[in-house]
């Protein structure tokens, strides 16, 4: 009888141990999956300065689709300002916004001051969409907004690198990155226009 009791105790202990082990394994798996879950950010957390030195809060574009583009005044792609302005005049307003970021990262092609950049954009292309103050879009001094745009761990879509002036980032009406567009694709490309109109 004593032997049977000891045997029963051992069997129950083993079953209990296995159950505890399974619970522990589930706990570990759950904590791993929580760690691996991406916290996708959006653009509404950012504030920048515009060309006049005033604060621009991305909260102000909440609910709109946004095209973000790094610009330069002395680049072979500078005429894209014309197409940017054209689509802004056609679709800009309640549902769509363009935001330009002058950057001097490529061939020193944006050497101007804020006043010079504003004057150049107005006089040559009649730019009326918001233009921000000059920032860095790559390297060790990359602006935090561009860290968000180029890092999958933050934007939830993909890693990218700004390869030249006039690279475009399309932001959905929820503030999240939806597409990265190469510098050479014109802003009035049918795929961009279709996305704006969707």
C-alpha atoms as a PDB file:
ATOM      1  CA  UNK A   1       0.000   0.000   0.000  1.00  0.00           C
ATOM      2  CA  UNK A   2       2.833   2.336   0.932  1.00  0.00           C
ATOM      3  CA  UNK A   3       4.557   1.522  -2.392  1.00  0.00           C
ATOM      4  CA  UNK A   4       1.372   2.391  -4.332  1.00  0.00           C
ATOM      5  CA  UNK A   5       1.060   5.732  -2.505  1.00  0.00           C
ATOM      6  CA  UNK A   6       4.690   6.606  -3.263  1.00  0.00           C
ATOM      7  CA  UNK A   7       4.191   5.598  -6.894  1.00  0.00           C
ATOM      8  CA  UNK A   8       1.026   7.723  -7.147  1.00  0.00           C
ATOM      9  CA  UNK A   9       2.871  10.680  -5.593  1.00  0.00           C
ATOM     10  CA  UNK A  10       5.706  10.354  -8.122  1.00  0.00           C
ATOM     11  CA  UNK A  11       3.297  10.156 -11.077  1.00  0.00           C
ATOM     12  CA  UNK A  12       1.350  13.209  -9.883  1.00  0.00           C
ATOM     13  CA  UNK A  13       4.599  15.129  -9.321  1.00  0.00           C
ATOM     14  CA  UNK A  14       5.749  14.359 -12.855  1.00  0.00           C
ATOM     15  CA  UNK A  15       2.407  15.461 -14.346  1.00  0.00           C
ATOM     16  CA  UNK A  16       2.520  18.647 -12.275  1.00  0.00           C
ATOM     17  CA  UNK A  17       6.104  19.363 -13.393  1.00  0.00           C
ATOM     18  CA  UNK A  18       5.164  18.929 -17.051  1.00  0.00           C
ATOM     19  CA  UNK A  19       2.188  21.284 -16.644  1.00  0.00           C
ATOM     20  CA  UNK A  20       4.380  23.907 -14.957  1.00  0.00           C
ATOM     21  CA  UNK A  21       7.000  23.532 -17.694  1.00  0.00           C
ATOM     22  CA  UNK A  22       4.363  24.057 -20.381  1.00  0.00           C
ATOM     23  CA  UNK A  23       3.058  27.148 -18.592  1.00  0.00           C
ATOM     24  CA  UNK A  24       6.616  28.497 -18.396  1.00  0.00           C
ATOM     25  CA  UNK A  25       7.197  27.805 -22.112  1.00  0.00           C
ATOM     26  CA  UNK A  26       3.987  29.619 -23.039  1.00  0.00           C
ATOM     27  CA  UNK A  27       5.016  32.563 -20.856  1.00  0.00           C
ATOM     28  CA  UNK A  28       8.426  32.744 -22.595  1.00  0.00           C
ATOM     29  CA  UNK A  29       6.843  32.526 -26.068  1.00  0.00           C
ATOM     30  CA  UNK A  30       4.373  35.278 -25.218  1.00  0.00           C
ATOM     31  CA  UNK A  31       7.089  37.589 -23.930  1.00  0.00           C
ATOM     32  CA  UNK A  32       9.186  36.917 -27.064  1.00  0.00           C
ATOM     33  CA  UNK A  33       6.303  37.719 -29.398  1.00  0.00           C
ATOM     34  CA  UNK A  34       5.568  40.913 -27.451  1.00  0.00           C
ATOM     35  CA  UNK A  35       9.219  41.920 -27.799  1.00  0.00           C
ATOM     36  CA  UNK A  36       9.166  41.203 -31.542  1.00  0.00           C
ATOM     37  CA  UNK A  37       5.982  43.186 -32.119  1.00  0.00           C
ATOM     38  CA  UNK A  38       6.758  46.411 -33.980  1.00  0.00           C
ATOM     39  CA  UNK A  39       5.485  49.660 -32.617  1.00  0.00           C
ATOM     40  CA  UNK A  40       4.738  51.458 -35.879  1.00  0.00           C
ATOM     41  CA  UNK A  41       5.067  55.213 -35.576  1.00  0.00           C
ATOM     42  CA  UNK A  42       3.383  57.938 -37.620  1.00  0.00           C
ATOM     43  CA  UNK A  43       4.328  61.455 -38.712  1.00  0.00           C
ATOM     44  CA  UNK A  44       2.020  63.202 -36.255  1.00  0.00           C
ATOM     45  CA  UNK A  45       4.663  63.080 -33.520  1.00  0.00           C
ATOM     46  CA  UNK A  46       6.999  65.418 -35.426  1.00  0.00           C
ATOM     47  CA  UNK A  47       7.414  69.172 -35.325  1.00  0.00           C
ATOM     48  CA  UNK A  48       9.751  71.064 -37.643  1.00  0.00           C
ATOM     49  CA  UNK A  49      10.513  74.667 -38.600  1.00  0.00           C
ATOM     50  CA  UNK A  50       9.345  76.139 -41.882  1.00  0.00           C
ATOM     51  CA  UNK A  51      11.403  78.494 -44.088  1.00  0.00           C
ATOM     52  CA  UNK A  52      10.208  81.504 -42.098  1.00  0.00           C
ATOM     53  CA  UNK A  53      11.280  79.927 -38.796  1.00  0.00           C
ATOM     54  CA  UNK A  54       7.751  79.159 -37.603  1.00  0.00           C
ATOM     55  CA  UNK A  55       6.908  75.800 -36.084  1.00  0.00           C
ATOM     56  CA  UNK A  56       5.129  73.319 -38.339  1.00  0.00           C
ATOM     57  CA  UNK A  57       3.311  70.600 -36.428  1.00  0.00           C
ATOM     58  CA  UNK A  58       2.510  67.457 -38.417  1.00  0.00           C
ATOM     59  CA  UNK A  59      -0.656  67.155 -36.344  1.00  0.00           C
ATOM     60  CA  UNK A  60      -1.976  69.860 -38.704  1.00  0.00           C
ATOM     61  CA  UNK A  61      -2.082  67.359 -41.604  1.00  0.00           C
ATOM     62  CA  UNK A  62      -3.920  64.647 -39.680  1.00  0.00           C
ATOM     63  CA  UNK A  63      -6.372  62.850 -41.967  1.00  0.00           C
ATOM     64  CA  UNK A  64      -4.640  64.002 -45.168  1.00  0.00           C
ATOM     65  CA  UNK A  65      -2.428  62.085 -47.565  1.00  0.00           C
ATOM     66  CA  UNK A  66       1.021  63.673 -47.624  1.00  0.00           C
ATOM     67  CA  UNK A  67       3.876  63.669 -50.123  1.00  0.00           C
ATOM     68  CA  UNK A  68       7.200  64.465 -48.440  1.00  0.00           C
ATOM     69  CA  UNK A  69      10.086  65.378 -50.735  1.00  0.00           C
ATOM     70  CA  UNK A  70      13.687  66.491 -50.191  1.00  0.00           C
ATOM     71  CA  UNK A  71      14.492  69.352 -52.567  1.00  0.00           C
ATOM     72  CA  UNK A  72      17.464  71.276 -53.962  1.00  0.00           C
ATOM     73  CA  UNK A  73      17.767  74.451 -56.045  1.00  0.00           C
ATOM     74  CA  UNK A  74      20.792  73.518 -58.158  1.00  0.00           C
ATOM     75  CA  UNK A  75      19.988  69.949 -59.196  1.00  0.00           C
ATOM     76  CA  UNK A  76      19.172  68.449 -62.580  1.00  0.00           C
ATOM     77  CA  UNK A  77      15.880  67.341 -60.985  1.00  0.00           C
ATOM     78  CA  UNK A  78      15.008  70.849 -59.711  1.00  0.00           C
ATOM     79  CA  UNK A  79      12.381  71.302 -62.496  1.00  0.00           C
ATOM     80  CA  UNK A  80      10.281  68.765 -60.541  1.00  0.00           C
ATOM     81  CA  UNK A  81       9.191  71.773 -58.467  1.00  0.00           C
ATOM     82  CA  UNK A  82       6.951  72.564 -61.474  1.00  0.00           C
ATOM     83  CA  UNK A  83       5.110  69.215 -61.345  1.00  0.00           C
ATOM     84  CA  UNK A  84       4.923  69.337 -57.550  1.00  0.00           C
ATOM     85  CA  UNK A  85       3.233  72.735 -57.756  1.00  0.00           C
ATOM     86  CA  UNK A  86       0.873  71.523 -60.493  1.00  0.00           C
ATOM     87  CA  UNK A  87      -0.381  68.545 -58.481  1.00  0.00           C
ATOM     88  CA  UNK A  88      -0.605  70.747 -55.395  1.00  0.00           C
ATOM     89  CA  UNK A  89      -2.847  73.189 -57.278  1.00  0.00           C
ATOM     90  CA  UNK A  90      -5.012  70.324 -58.551  1.00  0.00           C
ATOM     91  CA  UNK A  91      -5.309  68.200 -55.411  1.00  0.00           C
ATOM     92  CA  UNK A  92      -3.853  70.106 -52.445  1.00  0.00           C
ATOM     93  CA  UNK A  93      -6.144  71.218 -49.665  1.00  0.00           C
ATOM     94  CA  UNK A  94      -8.540  69.208 -47.545  1.00  0.00           C
ATOM     95  CA  UNK A  95      -7.282  65.723 -48.448  1.00  0.00           C
ATOM     96  CA  UNK A  96      -3.728  66.104 -49.737  1.00  0.00           C
ATOM     97  CA  UNK A  97      -0.566  68.005 -48.781  1.00  0.00           C
ATOM     98  CA  UNK A  98       2.959  68.348 -50.154  1.00  0.00           C
ATOM     99  CA  UNK A  99       5.787  69.208 -47.776  1.00  0.00           C
ATOM    100  CA  UNK A 100       9.220  70.098 -49.126  1.00  0.00           C
ATOM    101  CA  UNK A 101      12.469  69.723 -47.195  1.00  0.00           C
ATOM    102  CA  UNK A 102      15.481  71.513 -48.730  1.00  0.00           C
ATOM    103  CA  UNK A 103      18.615  69.443 -48.121  1.00  0.00           C
ATOM    104  CA  UNK A 104      22.254  69.995 -49.026  1.00  0.00           C
ATOM    105  CA  UNK A 105      23.270  66.315 -48.819  1.00  0.00           C
ATOM    106  CA  UNK A 106      23.905  65.689 -52.514  1.00  0.00           C
ATOM    107  CA  UNK A 107      26.648  67.549 -54.361  1.00  0.00           C
ATOM    108  CA  UNK A 108      26.096  70.674 -52.229  1.00  0.00           C
ATOM    109  CA  UNK A 109      23.142  71.467 -54.515  1.00  0.00           C
ATOM    110  CA  UNK A 110      21.172  73.384 -51.888  1.00  0.00           C
ATOM    111  CA  UNK A 111      23.648  75.978 -50.588  1.00  0.00           C
ATOM    112  CA  UNK A 112      21.114  78.782 -50.084  1.00  0.00           C
ATOM    113  CA  UNK A 113      19.772  80.364 -46.925  1.00  0.00           C
ATOM    114  CA  UNK A 114      16.094  80.030 -45.996  1.00  0.00           C
ATOM    115  CA  UNK A 115      15.350  83.439 -47.585  1.00  0.00           C
ATOM    116  CA  UNK A 116      17.198  82.502 -50.778  1.00  0.00           C
ATOM    117  CA  UNK A 117      15.424  79.139 -51.030  1.00  0.00           C
ATOM    118  CA  UNK A 118      11.985  80.722 -50.487  1.00  0.00           C
ATOM    119  CA  UNK A 119      12.724  83.386 -53.099  1.00  0.00           C
ATOM    120  CA  UNK A 120      14.029  80.823 -55.621  1.00  0.00           C
ATOM    121  CA  UNK A 121      10.975  78.582 -55.228  1.00  0.00           C
ATOM    122  CA  UNK A 122       8.506  81.460 -55.538  1.00  0.00           C
ATOM    123  CA  UNK A 123      10.161  83.274 -58.444  1.00  0.00           C
ATOM    124  CA  UNK A 124      10.991  80.238 -60.574  1.00  0.00           C
ATOM    125  CA  UNK A 125       8.148  77.814 -59.876  1.00  0.00           C
ATOM    126  CA  UNK A 126       5.452  79.754 -57.989  1.00  0.00           C
ATOM    127  CA  UNK A 127       5.668  77.264 -55.104  1.00  0.00           C
ATOM    128  CA  UNK A 128       2.823  77.624 -52.619  1.00  0.00           C
ATOM    129  CA  UNK A 129       3.033  74.262 -50.834  1.00  0.00           C
ATOM    130  CA  UNK A 130       4.725  74.282 -47.395  1.00  0.00           C
ATOM    131  CA  UNK A 131       8.518  74.404 -47.504  1.00  0.00           C
ATOM    132  CA  UNK A 132      10.453  73.618 -44.343  1.00  0.00           C
ATOM    133  CA  UNK A 133      13.850  74.846 -43.218  1.00  0.00           C
ATOM    134  CA  UNK A 134      16.920  73.030 -44.501  1.00  0.00           C
ATOM    135  CA  UNK A 135      17.655  69.666 -42.880  1.00  0.00           C
ATOM    136  CA  UNK A 136      19.892  66.649 -43.376  1.00  0.00           C
ATOM    137  CA  UNK A 137      18.211  63.600 -44.924  1.00  0.00           C
ATOM    138  CA  UNK A 138      21.099  61.141 -44.517  1.00  0.00           C
ATOM    139  CA  UNK A 139      24.258  60.479 -42.520  1.00  0.00           C
ATOM    140  CA  UNK A 140      25.013  60.896 -38.839  1.00  0.00           C
ATOM    141  CA  UNK A 141      23.085  64.174 -38.598  1.00  0.00           C
ATOM    142  CA  UNK A 142      19.957  62.832 -40.332  1.00  0.00           C
ATOM    143  CA  UNK A 143      16.836  64.608 -39.093  1.00  0.00           C
ATOM    144  CA  UNK A 144      14.567  62.523 -36.855  1.00  0.00           C
ATOM    145  CA  UNK A 145      11.699  62.704 -39.368  1.00  0.00           C
ATOM    146  CA  UNK A 146      13.917  61.080 -41.990  1.00  0.00           C
ATOM    147  CA  UNK A 147      15.015  58.451 -39.486  1.00  0.00           C
ATOM    148  CA  UNK A 148      11.337  57.536 -39.244  1.00  0.00           C
ATOM    149  CA  UNK A 149      10.915  57.579 -43.047  1.00  0.00           C
ATOM    150  CA  UNK A 150      13.962  55.389 -43.728  1.00  0.00           C
ATOM    151  CA  UNK A 151      13.831  52.804 -40.917  1.00  0.00           C
ATOM    152  CA  UNK A 152      11.437  49.867 -41.116  1.00  0.00           C
ATOM    153  CA  UNK A 153      11.658  49.415 -37.343  1.00  0.00           C
ATOM    154  CA  UNK A 154       9.966  52.804 -37.030  1.00  0.00           C
ATOM    155  CA  UNK A 155       7.775  53.147 -40.137  1.00  0.00           C
ATOM    156  CA  UNK A 156       6.624  49.510 -40.305  1.00  0.00           C
ATOM    157  CA  UNK A 157       6.975  49.351 -44.102  1.00  0.00           C
ATOM    158  CA  UNK A 158      10.578  49.178 -45.266  1.00  0.00           C
ATOM    159  CA  UNK A 159      14.142  50.333 -44.851  1.00  0.00           C
ATOM    160  CA  UNK A 160      15.218  52.851 -47.473  1.00  0.00           C
ATOM    161  CA  UNK A 161      17.980  55.296 -48.159  1.00  0.00           C
ATOM    162  CA  UNK A 162      17.527  58.747 -49.636  1.00  0.00           C
ATOM    163  CA  UNK A 163      19.510  58.277 -52.838  1.00  0.00           C
ATOM    164  CA  UNK A 164      19.307  61.811 -54.278  1.00  0.00           C
ATOM    165  CA  UNK A 165      17.352  65.058 -54.311  1.00  0.00           C
ATOM    166  CA  UNK A 166      13.600  64.783 -54.930  1.00  0.00           C
ATOM    167  CA  UNK A 167      13.065  61.340 -53.395  1.00  0.00           C
ATOM    168  CA  UNK A 168       9.425  61.099 -52.409  1.00  0.00           C
ATOM    169  CA  UNK A 169       7.696  59.474 -49.444  1.00  0.00           C
ATOM    170  CA  UNK A 170       3.948  58.922 -49.559  1.00  0.00           C
ATOM    171  CA  UNK A 171       2.144  59.052 -46.222  1.00  0.00           C
ATOM    172  CA  UNK A 172      -1.386  57.705 -45.837  1.00  0.00           C
ATOM    173  CA  UNK A 173      -4.230  59.579 -44.191  1.00  0.00           C
ATOM    174  CA  UNK A 174      -3.428  57.631 -41.003  1.00  0.00           C
ATOM    175  CA  UNK A 175       0.055  59.209 -40.849  1.00  0.00           C
ATOM    176  CA  UNK A 176       1.868  55.997 -41.807  1.00  0.00           C
ATOM    177  CA  UNK A 177       4.347  55.449 -44.618  1.00  0.00           C
ATOM    178  CA  UNK A 178       2.807  53.695 -47.628  1.00  0.00           C
ATOM    179  CA  UNK A 179       5.368  54.055 -50.427  1.00  0.00           C
ATOM    180  CA  UNK A 180       8.898  55.219 -51.234  1.00  0.00           C
ATOM    181  CA  UNK A 181       9.393  56.752 -54.693  1.00  0.00           C
ATOM    182  CA  UNK A 182      12.694  57.223 -56.492  1.00  0.00           C
ATOM    183  CA  UNK A 183      13.976  60.727 -57.251  1.00  0.00           C
ATOM    184  CA  UNK A 184      13.637  60.294 -61.016  1.00  0.00           C
ATOM    185  CA  UNK A 185       9.922  59.489 -60.972  1.00  0.00           C
ATOM    186  CA  UNK A 186       8.041  62.696 -61.722  1.00  0.00           C
ATOM    187  CA  UNK A 187       5.611  63.900 -59.058  1.00  0.00           C
ATOM    188  CA  UNK A 188       2.762  63.870 -61.601  1.00  0.00           C
ATOM    189  CA  UNK A 189       3.336  60.215 -62.539  1.00  0.00           C
ATOM    190  CA  UNK A 190       0.002  58.444 -62.992  1.00  0.00           C
ATOM    191  CA  UNK A 191       0.681  56.050 -60.088  1.00  0.00           C
ATOM    192  CA  UNK A 192       1.142  58.984 -57.691  1.00  0.00           C
ATOM    193  CA  UNK A 193      -1.887  60.857 -59.029  1.00  0.00           C
ATOM    194  CA  UNK A 194      -4.033  57.704 -58.772  1.00  0.00           C
ATOM    195  CA  UNK A 195      -2.905  57.268 -55.148  1.00  0.00           C
ATOM    196  CA  UNK A 196      -3.820  60.903 -54.357  1.00  0.00           C
ATOM    197  CA  UNK A 197      -7.268  60.484 -55.930  1.00  0.00           C
ATOM    198  CA  UNK A 198      -8.059  57.089 -54.320  1.00  0.00           C
END
